[in-house]
Structure formats: structure tokens, C-alpha cells
Protein backbone atom coordinates (compact mmCIF):
# COMPACT_ATOMS: atom_id res chain seq x y z
CA MET A 1 0.00 0.00 0.00
CA SER A 2 2.87 2.38 0.75
CA ALA A 3 4.32 1.76 -2.71
CA LEU A 4 0.95 2.60 -4.29
CA THR A 5 0.65 5.74 -2.18
CA GLN A 6 4.16 6.80 -3.16
CA TRP A 7 3.32 6.14 -6.82
CA LEU A 8 0.17 8.28 -6.55
CA ARG A 9 2.07 11.07 -4.77
CA ASP A 10 4.88 11.16 -7.34
CA PRO A 11 5.38 14.85 -8.26
CA SER A 12 6.67 13.79 -11.71
CA PRO A 13 4.10 11.33 -13.11
CA GLN A 14 5.26 9.15 -15.97
CA SER A 15 1.89 8.88 -17.72
CA ARG A 16 -1.41 10.67 -18.07
CA LEU A 17 -3.14 7.90 -16.11
CA GLN A 18 -0.75 8.29 -13.20
CA ALA A 19 -1.26 12.06 -13.23
CA ARG A 20 -5.05 11.76 -13.15
CA LEU A 21 -5.07 9.07 -10.47
CA GLY A 22 -2.61 11.07 -8.39
CA GLN A 23 -4.73 14.20 -8.70
CA SER A 24 -7.84 12.25 -7.66
CA PHE A 25 -5.98 10.73 -4.71
CA MET A 26 -4.78 14.11 -3.46
CA GLY A 27 -8.29 15.46 -3.84
CA TRP A 28 -9.62 12.56 -1.77
CA LEU A 29 -7.08 13.30 0.96
CA ARG A 30 -8.23 16.93 1.10
CA PHE A 31 -11.87 15.83 1.10
CA ARG A 32 -11.28 13.31 3.88
CA ARG A 33 -9.93 16.02 6.18
CA ASN A 34 -13.35 17.70 6.17
CA PRO A 35 -15.57 15.89 8.73
CA LEU A 36 -18.76 17.60 7.59
CA ALA A 37 -18.10 16.60 3.98
CA MET A 38 -17.52 13.01 5.10
CA ALA A 39 -20.81 13.13 7.00
CA GLY A 40 -22.56 14.32 3.84
CA LEU A 41 -20.91 11.56 1.82
CA ALA A 42 -22.08 9.00 4.40
CA VAL A 43 -25.68 10.24 4.10
CA VAL A 44 -25.62 10.07 0.29
CA LEU A 45 -24.04 6.61 0.32
CA LEU A 46 -26.66 5.47 2.84
CA LEU A 47 -29.39 6.74 0.50
CA LEU A 48 -27.85 4.77 -2.38
CA VAL A 49 -27.60 1.59 -0.32
CA VAL A 50 -31.14 1.88 1.06
CA ALA A 51 -32.56 2.56 -2.40
CA ALA A 52 -30.63 -0.33 -3.95
CA PHE A 53 -31.73 -2.88 -1.35
CA ALA A 54 -35.13 -1.38 -0.51
CA PRO A 55 -37.21 -4.52 -1.28
CA TRP A 56 -35.07 -6.54 1.14
CA LEU A 57 -34.74 -3.84 3.82
CA ALA A 58 -38.42 -2.92 4.03
CA PRO A 59 -40.03 -5.12 6.72
CA TYR A 60 -43.55 -4.75 5.28
CA ASP A 61 -45.33 -4.08 2.01
CA PRO A 62 -45.37 -0.26 1.83
CA ILE A 63 -48.73 -0.22 0.04
CA ALA A 64 -50.65 -2.93 1.90
CA GLN A 65 -53.27 -1.52 4.27
CA ASN A 66 -54.25 -2.84 7.69
CA LEU A 67 -56.80 -0.60 9.38
CA LYS A 68 -56.51 -2.55 12.63
CA LEU A 69 -52.96 -1.15 12.99
CA ARG A 70 -53.67 2.45 11.97
CA LEU A 71 -51.86 5.34 13.68
CA LEU A 72 -49.67 3.22 15.93
CA PRO A 73 -47.01 5.38 17.66
CA PRO A 74 -43.26 4.92 17.15
CA LEU A 75 -41.41 2.15 19.00
CA THR A 76 -44.46 -0.09 18.75
CA ALA A 77 -43.50 -3.75 18.43
CA GLY A 78 -42.80 -4.45 14.76
CA HIS A 79 -43.25 -0.78 13.75
CA PRO A 80 -40.30 1.30 15.02
CA LEU A 81 -41.51 4.49 13.29
CA GLY A 82 -45.22 3.82 13.73
CA THR A 83 -47.98 3.47 11.14
CA ASP A 84 -50.06 5.92 9.12
CA ASP A 85 -53.81 6.41 8.86
CA PHE A 86 -54.16 3.30 6.68
CA GLY A 87 -52.10 1.08 8.96
CA ARG A 88 -49.09 1.07 6.62
CA ASP A 89 -45.64 0.81 8.18
CA ILE A 90 -43.93 4.21 7.95
CA LEU A 91 -40.41 2.77 7.98
CA SER A 92 -41.20 0.56 4.99
CA ARG A 93 -42.71 3.49 3.13
CA LEU A 94 -39.66 5.66 3.84
CA ILE A 95 -37.33 2.93 2.61
CA MET A 96 -39.25 2.38 -0.61
CA GLY A 97 -39.71 6.13 -1.02
CA SER A 98 -35.93 6.52 -1.13
CA ARG A 99 -36.05 4.83 -4.54
CA ILE A 100 -38.46 7.44 -5.86
CA THR A 101 -36.33 10.26 -4.46
CA LEU A 102 -33.14 8.81 -5.95
CA PHE A 103 -34.87 8.22 -9.30
CA ILE A 104 -35.95 11.86 -9.49
CA ILE A 105 -32.52 13.12 -8.39
CA THR A 106 -30.71 10.95 -10.94
CA LEU A 107 -32.87 11.95 -13.91
CA VAL A 108 -32.65 15.65 -13.09
CA ALA A 109 -28.89 15.42 -12.47
CA VAL A 110 -28.38 13.77 -15.86
CA THR A 111 -30.63 15.97 -18.01
CA ALA A 112 -30.62 19.52 -16.61
CA PRO A 113 -26.82 20.03 -16.18
CA LEU A 114 -26.03 18.54 -19.59
CA PHE A 115 -28.54 20.78 -21.36
CA GLY A 116 -27.44 23.80 -19.33
CA MET A 117 -23.78 23.16 -20.10
CA LEU A 118 -24.56 22.85 -23.80
CA VAL A 119 -26.47 26.13 -23.86
CA GLY A 120 -23.85 27.95 -21.77
CA THR A 121 -20.80 26.76 -23.70
CA ILE A 122 -22.39 27.55 -27.08
CA ALA A 123 -23.37 31.02 -25.88
CA GLY A 124 -19.95 31.72 -24.38
CA TYR A 125 -17.95 30.32 -27.29
CA PHE A 126 -19.74 32.01 -30.17
CA GLY A 127 -20.80 35.23 -28.42
CA GLY A 128 -22.62 37.90 -30.40
CA TRP A 129 -26.27 37.37 -31.28
CA THR A 130 -26.06 33.69 -30.32
CA ASP A 131 -25.04 34.66 -26.82
CA GLU A 132 -27.76 37.33 -26.64
CA ILE A 133 -30.58 35.01 -27.71
CA LEU A 134 -29.58 32.07 -25.51
CA MET A 135 -28.94 34.20 -22.44
CA ARG A 136 -32.20 36.11 -22.80
CA VAL A 137 -34.07 32.80 -22.93
CA THR A 138 -32.12 31.76 -19.84
CA ASP A 139 -33.08 35.01 -18.12
CA ILE A 140 -36.75 34.36 -18.84
CA PHE A 141 -36.56 30.99 -17.05
CA LEU A 142 -34.58 32.54 -14.19
CA ALA A 143 -37.23 35.24 -13.74
CA PHE A 144 -39.67 32.69 -12.33
CA PRO A 145 -39.22 30.88 -9.01
CA LYS A 146 -38.44 27.22 -9.62
CA LEU A 147 -41.36 25.86 -7.64
CA ILE A 148 -43.89 28.21 -9.26
CA LEU A 149 -42.65 27.38 -12.76
CA ALA A 150 -42.61 23.65 -11.95
CA LEU A 151 -46.19 23.90 -10.67
CA ALA A 152 -47.27 25.61 -13.87
CA LEU A 153 -45.59 22.99 -16.05
CA VAL A 154 -47.04 20.07 -14.10
CA ALA A 155 -50.47 21.69 -14.22
CA VAL A 156 -50.17 21.72 -18.02
CA LEU A 157 -48.57 18.29 -18.40
CA GLY A 158 -50.67 16.57 -15.74
CA PRO A 159 -49.70 14.95 -12.43
CA GLY A 160 -47.32 12.00 -12.32
CA MET A 161 -43.69 11.13 -11.61
CA GLU A 162 -42.49 11.44 -15.21
CA ASN A 163 -44.10 14.84 -15.69
CA ALA A 164 -42.74 15.99 -12.33
CA VAL A 165 -39.20 15.02 -13.37
CA LEU A 166 -39.63 16.79 -16.70
CA ALA A 167 -40.92 19.93 -15.00
CA ILE A 168 -38.07 19.98 -12.46
CA ALA A 169 -35.47 19.44 -15.20
CA LEU A 170 -36.94 22.25 -17.32
CA THR A 171 -36.70 24.65 -14.38
CA SER A 172 -33.21 23.56 -13.23
CA TRP A 173 -31.02 24.07 -16.31
CA PRO A 174 -30.60 27.92 -16.37
CA PRO A 175 -28.08 28.17 -13.47
CA TYR A 176 -25.87 25.56 -15.17
CA ALA A 177 -26.01 27.57 -18.39
CA ARG A 178 -24.83 30.65 -16.51
CA VAL A 179 -21.98 28.77 -14.85
CA ALA A 180 -20.88 27.14 -18.12
CA ARG A 181 -21.01 30.45 -19.99
CA ALA A 182 -18.83 32.14 -17.37
CA GLU A 183 -16.27 29.33 -17.53
CA THR A 184 -16.31 29.37 -21.34
CA LEU A 185 -15.66 33.10 -21.48
CA THR A 186 -12.51 32.59 -19.42
CA VAL A 187 -11.05 29.83 -21.61
CA ARG A 188 -12.26 30.50 -25.16
CA ASN A 189 -9.34 32.85 -25.93
CA SER A 190 -6.69 30.80 -24.13
CA ASP A 191 -3.59 29.54 -25.89
CA TYR A 192 -4.51 25.86 -25.89
CA ILE A 193 -7.92 26.59 -27.47
CA ALA A 194 -6.15 28.64 -30.15
CA ALA A 195 -3.72 25.75 -30.73
CA VAL A 196 -6.57 23.27 -31.15
CA ARG A 197 -8.29 25.65 -33.55
CA LEU A 198 -5.10 25.99 -35.62
CA GLN A 199 -4.95 22.21 -35.88
CA GLY A 200 -8.21 22.32 -37.80
CA ALA A 201 -10.69 21.38 -35.06
CA GLY A 202 -14.23 22.59 -35.64
CA ALA A 203 -16.40 24.46 -33.17
CA ALA A 204 -18.34 21.35 -32.16
CA ARG A 205 -15.15 19.42 -31.37
CA ILE A 206 -13.67 22.33 -29.41
CA ILE A 207 -16.83 22.84 -27.36
CA TRP A 208 -17.43 19.17 -26.64
CA GLY A 209 -13.84 18.01 -26.22
CA HIS A 210 -12.07 20.99 -24.68
CA VAL A 211 -14.45 23.63 -23.33
CA MET A 212 -17.09 21.48 -21.65
CA PRO A 213 -14.52 19.42 -19.66
CA MET A 214 -13.21 22.69 -18.21
CA CYS A 215 -16.73 23.49 -17.01
CA LEU A 216 -17.27 20.12 -15.32
CA PRO A 217 -15.80 20.88 -11.87
CA SER A 218 -17.99 23.96 -11.38
CA VAL A 219 -21.05 22.16 -12.73
CA ILE A 220 -20.48 19.11 -10.51
CA ILE A 221 -20.32 21.35 -7.46
CA ARG A 222 -23.49 23.13 -8.55
CA VAL A 223 -25.29 19.83 -9.18
CA THR A 224 -24.47 18.52 -5.73
CA LEU A 225 -25.59 21.72 -4.03
CA ASP A 226 -28.79 21.86 -6.12
CA MET A 227 -29.89 18.34 -5.22
CA ALA A 228 -31.37 19.57 -1.95
CA GLY A 229 -33.51 22.02 -3.92
CA VAL A 230 -34.57 19.28 -6.32
CA ILE A 231 -35.64 17.10 -3.41
CA LEU A 232 -37.66 19.95 -1.91
CA ILE A 233 -39.37 20.78 -5.22
CA ALA A 234 -40.22 17.10 -5.79
CA ALA A 235 -41.57 16.89 -2.26
CA GLY A 236 -43.53 20.11 -2.77
CA LEU A 237 -45.15 18.73 -5.92
CA GLY A 238 -45.99 15.52 -4.08
CA PHE A 239 -47.36 17.51 -1.15
CA LEU A 240 -49.73 19.38 -3.48
CA GLY A 241 -50.80 16.19 -5.24
CA LEU A 242 -49.08 17.08 -8.53
CA GLY A 243 -46.11 14.73 -8.29
CA VAL A 244 -45.99 11.02 -7.56
CA GLN A 245 -49.53 9.80 -7.04
CA PRO A 246 -50.85 7.68 -4.14
CA PRO A 247 -50.45 4.99 -3.02
CA MET A 248 -46.76 5.29 -4.03
CA PRO A 249 -44.64 6.09 -0.94
CA GLU A 250 -43.28 9.48 -1.96
CA TRP A 251 -42.00 11.55 0.97
CA GLY A 252 -43.81 14.78 0.08
CA ALA A 253 -47.11 12.95 -0.41
CA MET A 254 -46.57 11.23 2.96
CA ILE A 255 -46.23 14.63 4.65
CA SER A 256 -49.39 15.82 2.92
CA ALA A 257 -51.32 12.75 4.11
CA GLY A 258 -50.10 13.24 7.69
CA ARG A 259 -50.66 16.98 8.08
CA LYS A 260 -54.20 16.50 9.45
CA TYR A 261 -52.74 14.37 12.26
CA LEU A 262 -49.83 16.71 12.99
CA PHE A 263 -50.77 17.65 16.56
CA GLU A 264 -51.91 14.26 17.84
CA GLN A 265 -50.23 11.63 15.64
CA TRP A 266 -47.19 13.78 14.85
CA TRP A 267 -45.03 10.92 13.58
CA VAL A 268 -47.06 10.43 10.39
CA ALA A 269 -45.79 13.71 8.91
CA THR A 270 -42.62 14.16 10.97
CA MET A 271 -40.81 11.00 9.87
CA PRO A 272 -40.85 11.75 6.11
CA GLY A 273 -40.02 15.36 6.94
CA LEU A 274 -36.93 14.23 8.83
CA ALA A 275 -35.95 12.01 5.88
CA ILE A 276 -36.13 14.99 3.52
CA PHE A 277 -34.17 17.15 5.96
CA ILE A 278 -31.37 14.59 6.47
CA VAL A 279 -30.93 13.79 2.78
CA SER A 280 -31.01 17.47 1.78
CA LEU A 281 -28.45 18.31 4.47
CA GLY A 282 -26.26 15.44 3.29
CA PHE A 283 -26.16 16.75 -0.27
CA ASN A 284 -25.39 20.28 0.94
CA LEU A 285 -22.49 19.08 3.08
CA LEU A 286 -21.19 16.92 0.24
CA GLY A 287 -21.40 19.85 -2.17
CA ASP A 288 -19.45 22.10 0.19
CA GLY A 289 -16.75 19.45 0.48
CA LEU A 290 -16.53 18.96 -3.28
CA ARG A 291 -16.29 22.72 -3.77
CA ASP A 292 -13.26 22.86 -1.47
CA VAL A 293 -11.62 20.01 -3.39
CA LEU A 294 -12.47 20.89 -6.99
CA ASP A 295 -11.95 24.64 -6.72
CA PRO A 296 -8.48 25.24 -8.26
CA ARG A 297 -7.94 28.17 -5.88
CA ASN A 298 -7.91 25.66 -3.02
CA SER A 299 -5.63 23.14 -4.73
CA GLY A 300 -2.68 24.07 -2.60
CA LYS A 301 -4.45 23.83 0.76
């Protein structure tokens, strides 16, 4: 292990692979020194594990109803988090709901940043009227609050998980376009871009192969920090009945179903609320840690 560590720490790497692995290793060492970032990573990894093994971890069917067991308090035998108004085990519904949350996060994280990066790099690289048109369209989307715009889109498209994901993705791309445009403006006139252009590379190749990779660190940080907002918007849509439809165990819909029992059977709404809070906090802490690692201004710390 010491030989591998020494190889990764070599200040004069002998290959591109060694250089990239060494850079990743040093970044991991800086990340590991941040206890809050490690806590955020633990929360996100826990979400992944729970979502992956949800059918085996859930002690009960999250949809099956048993009115004889309705509104049991936490720490009841067999139901550590209690049951809801239909007698469904809350722990099982939270576990299965993690899959829905992760599904929404993954689809939004794949679609919105990619589209935003494409718009931002094209606008920053070409400039002129292309930049003006694309950025004014971006400003129009940024003029509306995300949740309000998502509500309007879902109202037009109709309720459902797929439409909720589409609405969230359509409202999430403008910040990535702004970040990518700013990064592109700083590198489009650099020497290595000019060298690639002199070698005969076209605009598409330069944008895709050289400009967009330079935007990735900033976009990755932004994606991680925005995941908390995505979770809250998805939960808000579910709370209003415009997202995932019952009886699917979506956390926002669970809070909505338990709000009428908030003062007496508080656990029905509190448990999914705590799940949203913990996962959102985990992504925020992870994003702060990644920002410290991926920011080139902190590379020497």
C-alpha cells in the first residue's frame, strides 16, 4: 500500500493515467480532512444503499393496508416508526420512497446540467447574437421561481412522476447555463484553445472536447448543491398532489397525508419530513466538500 501511495504522490508522473489518479488521490485526501463533507458523503451513500436494497430492507409491504394497525405510535413492536392512517408501516414506506427520491434526483442530475452546459458553452464560445438570444431565454426561465414554474408545467402536463421530473429538469437548467457560460468566457481565448483551432478542429469538437470538460468541476459542485432544492421541489409537488400519485410512498405525499394528524399523531408527517431534511443536508455538506476540493484556488491547501 505504501508503494501505491508513493506512486500516486509522485510529483513527476510518468503517464497521463498516473497524473489523473494522483490528482484524484490528493483530492480525496483533502476531502477526507473535512468531517462535515464526510458526513454528507455518508448520508448520500446510505441513501444509495437503502434505495438499492429497498425490497429486502423494508419489513412490510409499503402499500398494503391494515386498518386494525392504523396510527400506531413509534417504537411499537414491529413498527419502530409507527404506522399511518391506513395502517401502513412508515419505515417501509420511507425505505421504498428513497427509490423514488433517488430516481428523481438521478434523472434531473443527468438531463438539466447537460442541457445547461450545452447552452452555456455555445453562448460563451460564439458570443454575439447567439449569446444574446440564448442568455435572454435563460433570463426568462430565471425570472420565475423554480417551484412556481414547476407547478405551472405540471399543471399543463398533468400529475405523475415522469411529468414531475420533466418539469423539475426544465426549471433547473438555467443556473448551469450561466456557470458554463462564465467558464467558457474565461477559456475561449486561451492559448490551448487557439492551438486546437489551428490544428483544424471545428467548433463542435472544441466545445465538446475541450471547453465542456473545463466546465465540469464547477457544474459538478453546482449539481451537488442543487440536489437539496430538487428534493424539496419534488416533495412540494408531491405535497400538493401534482407529483408522484398515491399509493406510491413518496415523501412529500406522505407529509401531505399526515398533516391532518400533525398535533396528535405527529409521527405520520414528521418521519418523512426528517428524511427529507437529512438527505437534503447530506447533499449540501457533500457539495461544500466537493467545492473545497475541486476549486483550483484551493488546490494548494
